[in-house]
């Protein structure tokens, strides 16, 4: 298991134990983390699971694919560390990962 911390736009942190192989979006939804809407269910067909990866974790979570980057164009308040949580797979190497959710997922 990997411990993942999701911090909402108000600064409230929620720590979940995520099974390797799940996406960050799936782990959030299974643990009722607010701020992750996941309208498309993880198909990389919307941007409602947008998160900001803390900079020190960017290398371990990898680069956004072209498809993901295209979908991020529809997200609000995109930043350099923006990712779609449906596109980041949990691994043991992500134990301790911290991501932040934007104020709005529209």
C-alpha atoms as a PDB file:
ATOM      1  CA  UNK A   1       0.000   0.000   0.000  1.00  0.00           C
ATOM      2  CA  UNK A   2       1.023   3.566  -0.639  1.00  0.00           C
ATOM      3  CA  UNK A   3      -0.104   6.428   1.566  1.00  0.00           C
ATOM      4  CA  UNK A   4      -1.358   9.290  -0.581  1.00  0.00           C
ATOM      5  CA  UNK A   5      -2.253  12.717   0.808  1.00  0.00           C
ATOM      6  CA  UNK A   6      -4.906  14.777  -0.981  1.00  0.00           C
ATOM      7  CA  UNK A   7      -5.062  18.415   0.146  1.00  0.00           C
ATOM      8  CA  UNK A   8      -8.124  20.412  -0.848  1.00  0.00           C
ATOM      9  CA  UNK A   9      -8.163  24.087  -1.787  1.00  0.00           C
ATOM     10  CA  UNK A  10      -8.928  25.034   1.839  1.00  0.00           C
ATOM     11  CA  UNK A  11      -5.864  23.174   3.103  1.00  0.00           C
ATOM     12  CA  UNK A  12      -7.659  20.162   4.563  1.00  0.00           C
ATOM     13  CA  UNK A  13      -5.522  17.041   4.143  1.00  0.00           C
ATOM     14  CA  UNK A  14      -6.915  13.542   3.705  1.00  0.00           C
ATOM     15  CA  UNK A  15      -4.548  10.597   3.800  1.00  0.00           C
ATOM     16  CA  UNK A  16      -5.599   7.337   2.154  1.00  0.00           C
ATOM     17  CA  UNK A  17      -3.973   3.956   1.760  1.00  0.00           C
ATOM     18  CA  UNK A  18      -3.956   3.204  -1.956  1.00  0.00           C
ATOM     19  CA  UNK A  19      -3.424  -0.220  -3.472  1.00  0.00           C
ATOM     20  CA  UNK A  20      -0.699  -0.371  -6.130  1.00  0.00           C
ATOM     21  CA  UNK A  21      -2.209  -0.596  -9.604  1.00  0.00           C
ATOM     22  CA  UNK A  22      -5.094   1.758  -8.875  1.00  0.00           C
ATOM     23  CA  UNK A  23      -5.025   5.256 -10.284  1.00  0.00           C
ATOM     24  CA  UNK A  24      -4.893   8.213  -7.916  1.00  0.00           C
ATOM     25  CA  UNK A  25      -8.437   8.992  -9.070  1.00  0.00           C
ATOM     26  CA  UNK A  26      -9.683   5.493  -8.188  1.00  0.00           C
ATOM     27  CA  UNK A  27      -8.033   5.677  -4.770  1.00  0.00           C
ATOM     28  CA  UNK A  28      -9.665   9.070  -4.142  1.00  0.00           C
ATOM     29  CA  UNK A  29     -13.123   7.941  -5.253  1.00  0.00           C
ATOM     30  CA  UNK A  30     -12.951   4.708  -3.208  1.00  0.00           C
ATOM     31  CA  UNK A  31     -12.036   6.767  -0.152  1.00  0.00           C
ATOM     32  CA  UNK A  32     -14.604   9.540  -0.695  1.00  0.00           C
ATOM     33  CA  UNK A  33     -11.991  12.261  -1.152  1.00  0.00           C
ATOM     34  CA  UNK A  34     -13.849  15.478  -1.998  1.00  0.00           C
ATOM     35  CA  UNK A  35     -12.645  17.511  -4.954  1.00  0.00           C
ATOM     36  CA  UNK A  36     -12.193  14.556  -7.313  1.00  0.00           C
ATOM     37  CA  UNK A  37     -15.365  14.327  -9.393  1.00  0.00           C
ATOM     38  CA  UNK A  38     -14.156  11.782 -11.973  1.00  0.00           C
ATOM     39  CA  UNK A  39     -17.099  12.270 -14.329  1.00  0.00           C
ATOM     40  CA  UNK A  40     -15.673   9.997 -17.052  1.00  0.00           C
ATOM     41  CA  UNK A  41     -14.674   7.240 -14.631  1.00  0.00           C
ATOM     42  CA  UNK A  42     -11.002   7.390 -15.498  1.00  0.00           C
ATOM     43  CA  UNK A  43     -11.123   7.261 -19.286  1.00  0.00           C
ATOM     44  CA  UNK A  44      -9.081  10.466 -19.739  1.00  0.00           C
ATOM     45  CA  UNK A  45     -12.138  11.972 -21.387  1.00  0.00           C
ATOM     46  CA  UNK A  46     -12.749  14.889 -19.038  1.00  0.00           C
ATOM     47  CA  UNK A  47     -10.692  16.960 -16.628  1.00  0.00           C
ATOM     48  CA  UNK A  48     -12.694  16.511 -13.430  1.00  0.00           C
ATOM     49  CA  UNK A  49      -9.943  14.621 -11.604  1.00  0.00           C
ATOM     50  CA  UNK A  50      -7.396  17.430 -12.008  1.00  0.00           C
ATOM     51  CA  UNK A  51      -4.740  17.600  -9.272  1.00  0.00           C
ATOM     52  CA  UNK A  52      -1.549  19.510  -8.623  1.00  0.00           C
ATOM     53  CA  UNK A  53       1.369  17.198  -7.924  1.00  0.00           C
ATOM     54  CA  UNK A  54       3.753  18.609  -5.345  1.00  0.00           C
ATOM     55  CA  UNK A  55       6.942  19.567  -7.248  1.00  0.00           C
ATOM     56  CA  UNK A  56       9.190  17.115  -5.409  1.00  0.00           C
ATOM     57  CA  UNK A  57       7.005  14.258  -6.722  1.00  0.00           C
ATOM     58  CA  UNK A  58       6.833  15.358 -10.362  1.00  0.00           C
ATOM     59  CA  UNK A  59       9.641  13.108 -11.548  1.00  0.00           C
ATOM     60  CA  UNK A  60       8.183  10.008  -9.885  1.00  0.00           C
ATOM     61  CA  UNK A  61       4.690  10.595 -11.259  1.00  0.00           C
ATOM     62  CA  UNK A  62       6.026  11.125 -14.785  1.00  0.00           C
ATOM     63  CA  UNK A  63       5.032  13.405 -17.626  1.00  0.00           C
ATOM     64  CA  UNK A  64       1.516  13.850 -18.933  1.00  0.00           C
ATOM     65  CA  UNK A  65       0.845  12.039 -22.195  1.00  0.00           C
ATOM     66  CA  UNK A  66      -0.281  14.033 -25.234  1.00  0.00           C
ATOM     67  CA  UNK A  67      -3.857  12.875 -24.632  1.00  0.00           C
ATOM     68  CA  UNK A  68      -3.738  13.939 -20.985  1.00  0.00           C
ATOM     69  CA  UNK A  69      -2.204  17.304 -21.876  1.00  0.00           C
ATOM     70  CA  UNK A  70      -5.006  17.819 -24.381  1.00  0.00           C
ATOM     71  CA  UNK A  71      -7.648  17.112 -21.721  1.00  0.00           C
ATOM     72  CA  UNK A  72      -5.948  19.453 -19.247  1.00  0.00           C
ATOM     73  CA  UNK A  73      -6.749  22.286 -21.656  1.00  0.00           C
ATOM     74  CA  UNK A  74     -10.348  21.947 -20.399  1.00  0.00           C
ATOM     75  CA  UNK A  75      -9.404  22.194 -16.705  1.00  0.00           C
ATOM     76  CA  UNK A  76      -9.606  25.323 -14.605  1.00  0.00           C
ATOM     77  CA  UNK A  77      -6.479  26.924 -13.142  1.00  0.00           C
ATOM     78  CA  UNK A  78      -3.968  24.644 -14.846  1.00  0.00           C
ATOM     79  CA  UNK A  79      -0.433  24.940 -13.487  1.00  0.00           C
ATOM     80  CA  UNK A  80       2.953  23.489 -14.373  1.00  0.00           C
ATOM     81  CA  UNK A  81       2.365  20.610 -11.942  1.00  0.00           C
ATOM     82  CA  UNK A  82      -1.191  19.839 -13.127  1.00  0.00           C
ATOM     83  CA  UNK A  83      -2.053  16.233 -13.878  1.00  0.00           C
ATOM     84  CA  UNK A  84      -5.196  14.162 -14.268  1.00  0.00           C
ATOM     85  CA  UNK A  85      -5.288  11.791 -11.319  1.00  0.00           C
ATOM     86  CA  UNK A  86      -6.797   9.058 -13.516  1.00  0.00           C
ATOM     87  CA  UNK A  87      -3.498   8.944 -15.407  1.00  0.00           C
ATOM     88  CA  UNK A  88      -1.194   8.402 -12.429  1.00  0.00           C
ATOM     89  CA  UNK A  89      -0.876   4.780 -11.329  1.00  0.00           C
ATOM     90  CA  UNK A  90      -0.160   4.052  -7.693  1.00  0.00           C
ATOM     91  CA  UNK A  91       3.108   2.213  -7.062  1.00  0.00           C
ATOM     92  CA  UNK A  92       5.077   1.569  -3.902  1.00  0.00           C
ATOM     93  CA  UNK A  93       7.437   4.336  -5.087  1.00  0.00           C
ATOM     94  CA  UNK A  94       4.579   6.832  -4.609  1.00  0.00           C
ATOM     95  CA  UNK A  95       4.244   6.098  -0.888  1.00  0.00           C
ATOM     96  CA  UNK A  96       4.005   9.549   0.731  1.00  0.00           C
ATOM     97  CA  UNK A  97       2.834  11.347  -2.432  1.00  0.00           C
ATOM     98  CA  UNK A  98       1.103  14.670  -1.863  1.00  0.00           C
ATOM     99  CA  UNK A  99      -1.349  16.168  -4.366  1.00  0.00           C
ATOM    100  CA  UNK A 100      -3.628  19.181  -4.121  1.00  0.00           C
ATOM    101  CA  UNK A 101      -7.077  19.558  -5.616  1.00  0.00           C
ATOM    102  CA  UNK A 102      -8.179  22.799  -7.277  1.00  0.00           C
ATOM    103  CA  UNK A 103     -11.066  24.858  -5.981  1.00  0.00           C
ATOM    104  CA  UNK A 104     -13.155  23.987  -9.044  1.00  0.00           C
ATOM    105  CA  UNK A 105     -13.182  20.932 -11.314  1.00  0.00           C
ATOM    106  CA  UNK A 106     -15.171  22.517 -14.145  1.00  0.00           C
END
